[in-house]
PDB file of all heavy atoms in Angstrom:
ATOM      1  N   ALA A   1     -90.414 -26.832  22.991  1.00  0.00           N
ATOM      2  CA  ALA A   1     -89.274 -25.960  22.701  1.00  0.00           C
ATOM      3  C   ALA A   1     -87.995 -26.751  22.454  1.00  0.00           C
ATOM      4  O   ALA A   1     -87.229 -26.453  21.518  1.00  0.00           O
ATOM      5  CB  ALA A   1     -89.078 -24.991  23.862  1.00  0.00           C
ATOM      6  N   ASP A   2     -87.732 -27.756  23.278  1.00  0.00           N
ATOM      7  CA  ASP A   2     -86.498 -28.528  23.130  1.00  0.00           C
ATOM      8  C   ASP A   2     -86.425 -29.216  21.770  1.00  0.00           C
ATOM      9  O   ASP A   2     -85.338 -29.306  21.167  1.00  0.00           O
ATOM     10  CB  ASP A   2     -86.386 -29.571  24.242  1.00  0.00           C
ATOM     11  CG  ASP A   2     -86.071 -28.939  25.586  1.00  0.00           C
ATOM     12  OD1 ASP A   2     -85.654 -27.767  25.607  1.00  0.00           O
ATOM     13  OD2 ASP A   2     -86.254 -29.625  26.620  1.00  0.00           O
ATOM     14  N   GLU A   3     -87.570 -29.694  21.283  1.00  0.00           N
ATOM     15  CA  GLU A   3     -87.580 -30.349  19.977  1.00  0.00           C
ATOM     16  C   GLU A   3     -87.210 -29.373  18.863  1.00  0.00           C
ATOM     17  O   GLU A   3     -86.458 -29.722  17.940  1.00  0.00           O
ATOM     18  CB  GLU A   3     -88.959 -30.954  19.703  1.00  0.00           C
ATOM     19  CG  GLU A   3     -89.271 -32.185  20.521  1.00  0.00           C
ATOM     20  CD  GLU A   3     -90.579 -32.829  20.111  1.00  0.00           C
ATOM     21  OE1 GLU A   3     -91.091 -32.480  19.007  1.00  0.00           O
ATOM     22  OE2 GLU A   3     -91.090 -33.666  20.867  1.00  0.00           O
ATOM     23  N   MET A   4     -87.728 -28.163  18.939  1.00  0.00           N
ATOM     24  CA  MET A   4     -87.403 -27.182  17.904  1.00  0.00           C
ATOM     25  C   MET A   4     -85.926 -26.797  17.953  1.00  0.00           C
ATOM     26  O   MET A   4     -85.265 -26.685  16.912  1.00  0.00           O
ATOM     27  CB  MET A   4     -88.293 -25.952  18.046  1.00  0.00           C
ATOM     28  CG  MET A   4     -89.695 -26.166  17.524  1.00  0.00           C
ATOM     29  SD  MET A   4     -90.635 -24.624  17.332  1.00  0.00           S
ATOM     30  CE  MET A   4     -91.107 -24.339  19.037  1.00  0.00           C
ATOM     31  N   LEU A   5     -85.383 -26.604  19.142  1.00  0.00           N
ATOM     32  CA  LEU A   5     -83.968 -26.247  19.256  1.00  0.00           C
ATOM     33  C   LEU A   5     -83.072 -27.380  18.769  1.00  0.00           C
ATOM     34  O   LEU A   5     -82.037 -27.133  18.123  1.00  0.00           O
ATOM     35  CB  LEU A   5     -83.638 -25.883  20.702  1.00  0.00           C
ATOM     36  CG  LEU A   5     -84.265 -24.580  21.217  1.00  0.00           C
ATOM     37  CD1 LEU A   5     -83.964 -24.392  22.699  1.00  0.00           C
ATOM     38  CD2 LEU A   5     -83.778 -23.379  20.423  1.00  0.00           C
ATOM     39  N   GLU A   6     -83.447 -28.598  19.072  1.00  0.00           N
ATOM     40  CA  GLU A   6     -82.675 -29.748  18.570  1.00  0.00           C
ATOM     41  C   GLU A   6     -82.722 -29.811  17.046  1.00  0.00           C
ATOM     42  O   GLU A   6     -81.703 -30.090  16.396  1.00  0.00           O
ATOM     43  CB  GLU A   6     -83.222 -31.044  19.171  1.00  0.00           C
ATOM     44  CG  GLU A   6     -82.927 -31.206  20.662  1.00  0.00           C
ATOM     45  CD  GLU A   6     -83.611 -32.432  21.246  1.00  0.00           C
ATOM     46  OE1 GLU A   6     -84.215 -33.205  20.462  1.00  0.00           O
ATOM     47  OE2 GLU A   6     -83.553 -32.608  22.481  1.00  0.00           O
ATOM     48  N   GLN A   7     -83.890 -29.564  16.467  1.00  0.00           N
ATOM     49  CA  GLN A   7     -84.031 -29.564  15.026  1.00  0.00           C
ATOM     50  C   GLN A   7     -83.170 -28.474  14.389  1.00  0.00           C
ATOM     51  O   GLN A   7     -82.503 -28.696  13.375  1.00  0.00           O
ATOM     52  CB  GLN A   7     -85.494 -29.360  14.636  1.00  0.00           C
ATOM     53  CG  GLN A   7     -85.774 -29.408  13.146  1.00  0.00           C
ATOM     54  CD  GLN A   7     -85.497 -30.767  12.547  1.00  0.00           C
ATOM     55  OE1 GLN A   7     -85.650 -31.792  13.211  1.00  0.00           O
ATOM     56  NE2 GLN A   7     -85.079 -30.790  11.272  1.00  0.00           N
ATOM     57  N   LEU A   8     -83.160 -27.298  14.984  1.00  0.00           N
ATOM     58  CA  LEU A   8     -82.344 -26.199  14.469  1.00  0.00           C
ATOM     59  C   LEU A   8     -80.854 -26.532  14.550  1.00  0.00           C
ATOM     60  O   LEU A   8     -80.091 -26.210  13.630  1.00  0.00           O
ATOM     61  CB  LEU A   8     -82.643 -24.924  15.263  1.00  0.00           C
ATOM     62  CG  LEU A   8     -84.027 -24.316  15.045  1.00  0.00           C
ATOM     63  CD1 LEU A   8     -84.310 -23.244  16.102  1.00  0.00           C
ATOM     64  CD2 LEU A   8     -84.149 -23.723  13.650  1.00  0.00           C
ATOM     65  N   THR A   9     -80.449 -27.163  15.637  1.00  0.00           N
ATOM     66  CA  THR A   9     -79.045 -27.542  15.780  1.00  0.00           C
ATOM     67  C   THR A   9     -78.649 -28.561  14.722  1.00  0.00           C
ATOM     68  O   THR A   9     -77.563 -28.474  14.113  1.00  0.00           O
ATOM     69  CB  THR A   9     -78.794 -28.118  17.184  1.00  0.00           C
ATOM     70  OG1 THR A   9     -79.118 -27.133  18.164  1.00  0.00           O
ATOM     71  CG2 THR A   9     -77.340 -28.522  17.354  1.00  0.00           C
ATOM     72  N   LEU A  10     -79.528 -29.522  14.469  1.00  0.00           N
ATOM     73  CA  LEU A  10     -79.239 -30.534  13.440  1.00  0.00           C
ATOM     74  C   LEU A  10     -79.138 -29.919  12.046  1.00  0.00           C
ATOM     75  O   LEU A  10     -78.261 -30.286  11.252  1.00  0.00           O
ATOM     76  CB  LEU A  10     -80.324 -31.612  13.455  1.00  0.00           C
ATOM     77  CG  LEU A  10     -80.310 -32.598  14.628  1.00  0.00           C
ATOM     78  CD1 LEU A  10     -81.535 -33.496  14.587  1.00  0.00           C
ATOM     79  CD2 LEU A  10     -79.036 -33.432  14.605  1.00  0.00           C
ATOM     80  N   GLU A  11     -80.026 -28.988  11.758  1.00  0.00           N
ATOM     81  CA  GLU A  11     -80.070 -28.422  10.408  1.00  0.00           C
ATOM     82  C   GLU A  11     -78.981 -27.390  10.160  1.00  0.00           C
ATOM     83  O   GLU A  11     -78.433 -27.310   9.054  1.00  0.00           O
ATOM     84  CB  GLU A  11     -81.444 -27.793  10.157  1.00  0.00           C
ATOM     85  CG  GLU A  11     -82.571 -28.798  10.043  1.00  0.00           C
ATOM     86  CD  GLU A  11     -83.854 -28.168   9.525  1.00  0.00           C
ATOM     87  OE1 GLU A  11     -83.766 -27.184   8.755  1.00  0.00           O
ATOM     88  OE2 GLU A  11     -84.937 -28.653   9.883  1.00  0.00           O
ATOM     89  N   PHE A  12     -78.651 -26.590  11.193  1.00  0.00           N
ATOM     90  CA  PHE A  12     -77.789 -25.437  10.937  1.00  0.00           C
ATOM     91  C   PHE A  12     -76.536 -25.387  11.810  1.00  0.00           C
ATOM     92  O   PHE A  12     -75.705 -24.490  11.632  1.00  0.00           O
ATOM     93  CB  PHE A  12     -78.588 -24.142  11.161  1.00  0.00           C
ATOM     94  CG  PHE A  12     -79.895 -24.114  10.423  1.00  0.00           C
ATOM     95  CD1 PHE A  12     -81.087 -23.965  11.115  1.00  0.00           C
ATOM     96  CD2 PHE A  12     -79.949 -24.264   9.039  1.00  0.00           C
ATOM     97  CE1 PHE A  12     -82.299 -23.932  10.448  1.00  0.00           C
ATOM     98  CE2 PHE A  12     -81.153 -24.250   8.361  1.00  0.00           C
ATOM     99  CZ  PHE A  12     -82.335 -24.091   9.066  1.00  0.00           C
ATOM    100  N   GLY A  13     -76.379 -26.324  12.723  1.00  0.00           N
ATOM    101  CA  GLY A  13     -75.232 -26.287  13.631  1.00  0.00           C
ATOM    102  C   GLY A  13     -73.894 -26.394  12.925  1.00  0.00           C
ATOM    103  O   GLY A  13     -72.877 -25.924  13.451  1.00  0.00           O
ATOM    104  N   ALA A  14     -73.875 -26.994  11.751  1.00  0.00           N
ATOM    105  CA  ALA A  14     -72.609 -27.191  11.034  1.00  0.00           C
ATOM    106  C   ALA A  14     -72.210 -25.986  10.190  1.00  0.00           C
ATOM    107  O   ALA A  14     -71.117 -25.963   9.612  1.00  0.00           O
ATOM    108  CB  ALA A  14     -72.712 -28.426  10.136  1.00  0.00           C
ATOM    109  N   ILE A  15     -73.055 -24.978  10.091  1.00  0.00           N
ATOM    110  CA  ILE A  15     -72.721 -23.786   9.308  1.00  0.00           C
ATOM    111  C   ILE A  15     -71.655 -23.006  10.062  1.00  0.00           C
ATOM    112  O   ILE A  15     -71.879 -22.532  11.181  1.00  0.00           O
ATOM    113  CB  ILE A  15     -73.959 -22.899   9.071  1.00  0.00           C
ATOM    114  CG1 ILE A  15     -75.017 -23.674   8.279  1.00  0.00           C
ATOM    115  CG2 ILE A  15     -73.568 -21.622   8.336  1.00  0.00           C
ATOM    116  CD1 ILE A  15     -76.302 -22.904   8.052  1.00  0.00           C
ATOM    117  N   ALA A  16     -70.484 -22.858   9.447  1.00  0.00           N
ATOM    118  CA  ALA A  16     -69.341 -22.251  10.142  1.00  0.00           C
ATOM    119  C   ALA A  16     -69.505 -20.748  10.331  1.00  0.00           C
ATOM    120  O   ALA A  16     -69.175 -20.209  11.397  1.00  0.00           O
ATOM    121  CB  ALA A  16     -68.053 -22.549   9.373  1.00  0.00           C
ATOM    122  N   ASP A  17     -69.986 -20.070   9.306  1.00  0.00           N
ATOM    123  CA  ASP A  17     -70.142 -18.625   9.390  1.00  0.00           C
ATOM    124  C   ASP A  17     -71.293 -18.273  10.342  1.00  0.00           C
ATOM    125  O   ASP A  17     -72.440 -18.685  10.127  1.00  0.00           O
ATOM    126  CB  ASP A  17     -70.407 -18.039   8.004  1.00  0.00           C
ATOM    127  CG  ASP A  17     -70.440 -16.522   8.034  1.00  0.00           C
ATOM    128  OD1 ASP A  17     -71.500 -15.960   8.360  1.00  0.00           O
ATOM    129  OD2 ASP A  17     -69.405 -15.912   7.726  1.00  0.00           O
ATOM    130  N   LEU A  18     -70.990 -17.513  11.383  1.00  0.00           N
ATOM    131  CA  LEU A  18     -71.979 -17.228  12.419  1.00  0.00           C
ATOM    132  C   LEU A  18     -73.172 -16.444  11.878  1.00  0.00           C
ATOM    133  O   LEU A  18     -74.323 -16.705  12.237  1.00  0.00           O
ATOM    134  CB  LEU A  18     -71.321 -16.452  13.561  1.00  0.00           C
ATOM    135  CG  LEU A  18     -70.190 -17.170  14.297  1.00  0.00           C
ATOM    136  CD1 LEU A  18     -69.611 -16.279  15.385  1.00  0.00           C
ATOM    137  CD2 LEU A  18     -70.681 -18.481  14.894  1.00  0.00           C
ATOM    138  N   HIS A  19     -72.899 -15.480  11.014  1.00  0.00           N
ATOM    139  CA  HIS A  19     -73.981 -14.661  10.478  1.00  0.00           C
ATOM    140  C   HIS A  19     -74.882 -15.475   9.545  1.00  0.00           C
ATOM    141  O   HIS A  19     -76.100 -15.282   9.526  1.00  0.00           O
ATOM    142  CB  HIS A  19     -73.409 -13.442   9.766  1.00  0.00           C
ATOM    143  CG  HIS A  19     -72.685 -12.495  10.687  1.00  0.00           C
ATOM    144  ND1 HIS A  19     -73.353 -11.693  11.577  1.00  0.00           N
ATOM    145  CD2 HIS A  19     -71.351 -12.263  10.880  1.00  0.00           C
ATOM    146  CE1 HIS A  19     -72.482 -10.975  12.273  1.00  0.00           C
ATOM    147  NE2 HIS A  19     -71.249 -11.309  11.860  1.00  0.00           N
ATOM    148  N   GLN A  20     -74.263 -16.376   8.786  1.00  0.00           N
ATOM    149  CA  GLN A  20     -75.065 -17.247   7.914  1.00  0.00           C
ATOM    150  C   GLN A  20     -75.920 -18.197   8.747  1.00  0.00           C
ATOM    151  O   GLN A  20     -77.076 -18.476   8.406  1.00  0.00           O
ATOM    152  CB  GLN A  20     -74.146 -18.031   6.976  1.00  0.00           C
ATOM    153  CG  GLN A  20     -73.477 -17.182   5.915  1.00  0.00           C
ATOM    154  CD  GLN A  20     -72.602 -18.002   4.981  1.00  0.00           C
ATOM    155  OE1 GLN A  20     -72.550 -19.239   5.081  1.00  0.00           O
ATOM    156  NE2 GLN A  20     -71.916 -17.324   4.072  1.00  0.00           N
ATOM    157  N   ARG A  21     -75.340 -18.687   9.847  1.00  0.00           N
ATOM    158  CA  ARG A  21     -76.108 -19.577  10.720  1.00  0.00           C
ATOM    159  C   ARG A  21     -77.288 -18.831  11.341  1.00  0.00           C
ATOM    160  O   ARG A  21     -78.406 -19.335  11.398  1.00  0.00           O
ATOM    161  CB  ARG A  21     -75.219 -20.146  11.821  1.00  0.00           C
ATOM    162  CG  ARG A  21     -75.861 -21.310  12.575  1.00  0.00           C
ATOM    163  CD  ARG A  21     -75.082 -21.681  13.822  1.00  0.00           C
ATOM    164  NE  ARG A  21     -73.657 -21.801  13.564  1.00  0.00           N
ATOM    165  CZ  ARG A  21     -72.728 -21.890  14.519  1.00  0.00           C
ATOM    166  NH1 ARG A  21     -73.098 -21.863  15.802  1.00  0.00           N
ATOM    167  NH2 ARG A  21     -71.445 -21.992  14.226  1.00  0.00           N
ATOM    168  N   ALA A  22     -77.022 -17.608  11.790  1.00  0.00           N
ATOM    169  CA  ALA A  22     -78.081 -16.799  12.383  1.00  0.00           C
ATOM    170  C   ALA A  22     -79.171 -16.500  11.356  1.00  0.00           C
ATOM    171  O   ALA A  22     -80.369 -16.551  11.664  1.00  0.00           O
ATOM    172  CB  ALA A  22     -77.510 -15.494  12.927  1.00  0.00           C
ATOM    173  N   ALA A  23     -78.779 -16.204  10.118  1.00  0.00           N
ATOM    174  CA  ALA A  23     -79.745 -15.908   9.061  1.00  0.00           C
ATOM    175  C   ALA A  23     -80.579 -17.142   8.738  1.00  0.00           C
ATOM    176  O   ALA A  23     -81.791 -17.044   8.485  1.00  0.00           O
ATOM    177  CB  ALA A  23     -79.026 -15.409   7.814  1.00  0.00           C
ATOM    178  N   ALA A  24     -79.957 -18.310   8.760  1.00  0.00           N
ATOM    179  CA  ALA A  24     -80.676 -19.551   8.454  1.00  0.00           C
ATOM    180  C   ALA A  24     -81.718 -19.839   9.537  1.00  0.00           C
ATOM    181  O   ALA A  24     -82.848 -20.278   9.237  1.00  0.00           O
ATOM    182  CB  ALA A  24     -79.686 -20.706   8.343  1.00  0.00           C
ATOM    183  N   ILE A  25     -81.354 -19.590  10.788  1.00  0.00           N
ATOM    184  CA  ILE A  25     -82.301 -19.805  11.888  1.00  0.00           C
ATOM    185  C   ILE A  25     -83.482 -18.850  11.750  1.00  0.00           C
ATOM    186  O   ILE A  25     -84.647 -19.246  11.916  1.00  0.00           O
ATOM    187  CB  ILE A  25     -81.601 -19.625  13.246  1.00  0.00           C
ATOM    188  CG1 ILE A  25     -80.594 -20.758  13.463  1.00  0.00           C
ATOM    189  CG2 ILE A  25     -82.627 -19.609  14.386  1.00  0.00           C
ATOM    190  CD1 ILE A  25     -79.724 -20.575  14.690  1.00  0.00           C
ATOM    191  N   LYS A  26     -83.192 -17.595  11.435  1.00  0.00           N
ATOM    192  CA  LYS A  26     -84.272 -16.625  11.274  1.00  0.00           C
ATOM    193  C   LYS A  26     -85.212 -17.040  10.153  1.00  0.00           C
ATOM    194  O   LYS A  26     -86.441 -16.979  10.297  1.00  0.00           O
ATOM    195  CB  LYS A  26     -83.704 -15.236  10.996  1.00  0.00           C
ATOM    196  CG  LYS A  26     -84.786 -14.189  10.798  1.00  0.00           C
ATOM    197  CD  LYS A  26     -84.207 -12.806  10.615  1.00  0.00           C
ATOM    198  CE  LYS A  26     -85.324 -11.776  10.437  1.00  0.00           C
ATOM    199  NZ  LYS A  26     -84.799 -10.400  10.304  1.00  0.00           N
ATOM    200  N   ASP A  27     -84.651 -17.483   9.026  1.00  0.00           N
ATOM    201  CA  ASP A  27     -85.492 -17.906   7.899  1.00  0.00           C
ATOM    202  C   ASP A  27     -86.363 -19.094   8.277  1.00  0.00           C
ATOM    203  O   ASP A  27     -87.514 -19.205   7.820  1.00  0.00           O
ATOM    204  CB  ASP A  27     -84.620 -18.269   6.695  1.00  0.00           C
ATOM    205  CG  ASP A  27     -84.031 -17.034   6.014  1.00  0.00           C
ATOM    206  OD1 ASP A  27     -84.530 -15.927   6.274  1.00  0.00           O
ATOM    207  OD2 ASP A  27     -83.070 -17.186   5.237  1.00  0.00           O
ATOM    208  N   TRP A  28     -85.844 -19.997   9.102  1.00  0.00           N
ATOM    209  CA  TRP A  28     -86.611 -21.175   9.516  1.00  0.00           C
ATOM    210  C   TRP A  28     -87.901 -20.746  10.208  1.00  0.00           C
ATOM    211  O   TRP A  28     -88.939 -21.378  10.043  1.00  0.00           O
ATOM    212  CB  TRP A  28     -85.763 -22.027  10.455  1.00  0.00           C
ATOM    213  CG  TRP A  28     -86.333 -23.379  10.759  1.00  0.00           C
ATOM    214  CD1 TRP A  28     -86.114 -24.545  10.067  1.00  0.00           C
ATOM    215  CD2 TRP A  28     -87.211 -23.720  11.844  1.00  0.00           C
ATOM    216  NE1 TRP A  28     -86.805 -25.583  10.651  1.00  0.00           N
ATOM    217  CE2 TRP A  28     -87.482 -25.112  11.744  1.00  0.00           C
ATOM    218  CE3 TRP A  28     -87.788 -22.998  12.886  1.00  0.00           C
ATOM    219  CZ2 TRP A  28     -88.310 -25.777  12.646  1.00  0.00           C
ATOM    220  CZ3 TRP A  28     -88.617 -23.658  13.778  1.00  0.00           C
ATOM    221  CH2 TRP A  28     -88.872 -25.034  13.660  1.00  0.00           C
ATOM    222  N   PHE A  29     -87.827 -19.664  10.967  1.00  0.00           N
ATOM    223  CA  PHE A  29     -89.001 -19.188  11.687  1.00  0.00           C
ATOM    224  C   PHE A  29     -89.893 -18.268  10.847  1.00  0.00           C
ATOM    225  O   PHE A  29     -91.123 -18.300  10.992  1.00  0.00           O
ATOM    226  CB  PHE A  29     -88.576 -18.435  12.961  1.00  0.00           C
ATOM    227  CG  PHE A  29     -88.157 -19.329  14.085  1.00  0.00           C
ATOM    228  CD1 PHE A  29     -86.809 -19.573  14.310  1.00  0.00           C
ATOM    229  CD2 PHE A  29     -89.095 -19.923  14.919  1.00  0.00           C
ATOM    230  CE1 PHE A  29     -86.410 -20.402  15.356  1.00  0.00           C
ATOM    231  CE2 PHE A  29     -88.706 -20.748  15.959  1.00  0.00           C
ATOM    232  CZ  PHE A  29     -87.357 -20.991  16.184  1.00  0.00           C
ATOM    233  N   THR A  30     -89.303 -17.443  10.026  1.00  0.00           N
ATOM    234  CA  THR A  30     -90.071 -16.354   9.421  1.00  0.00           C
ATOM    235  C   THR A  30     -90.456 -16.563   7.959  1.00  0.00           C
ATOM    236  O   THR A  30     -91.405 -15.940   7.485  1.00  0.00           O
ATOM    237  CB  THR A  30     -89.289 -15.030   9.534  1.00  0.00           C
ATOM    238  OG1 THR A  30     -88.036 -15.156   8.828  1.00  0.00           O
ATOM    239  CG2 THR A  30     -89.014 -14.682  10.988  1.00  0.00           C
TER     240      THR A  30
END
């Protein structure tokens, strides 16, 4: 789990818009 969360933070943590960041995380999984 920690590896996946770290990967998500690296890929999407810099996205300023919260909704866009949330959408990007959802797409990563689905």
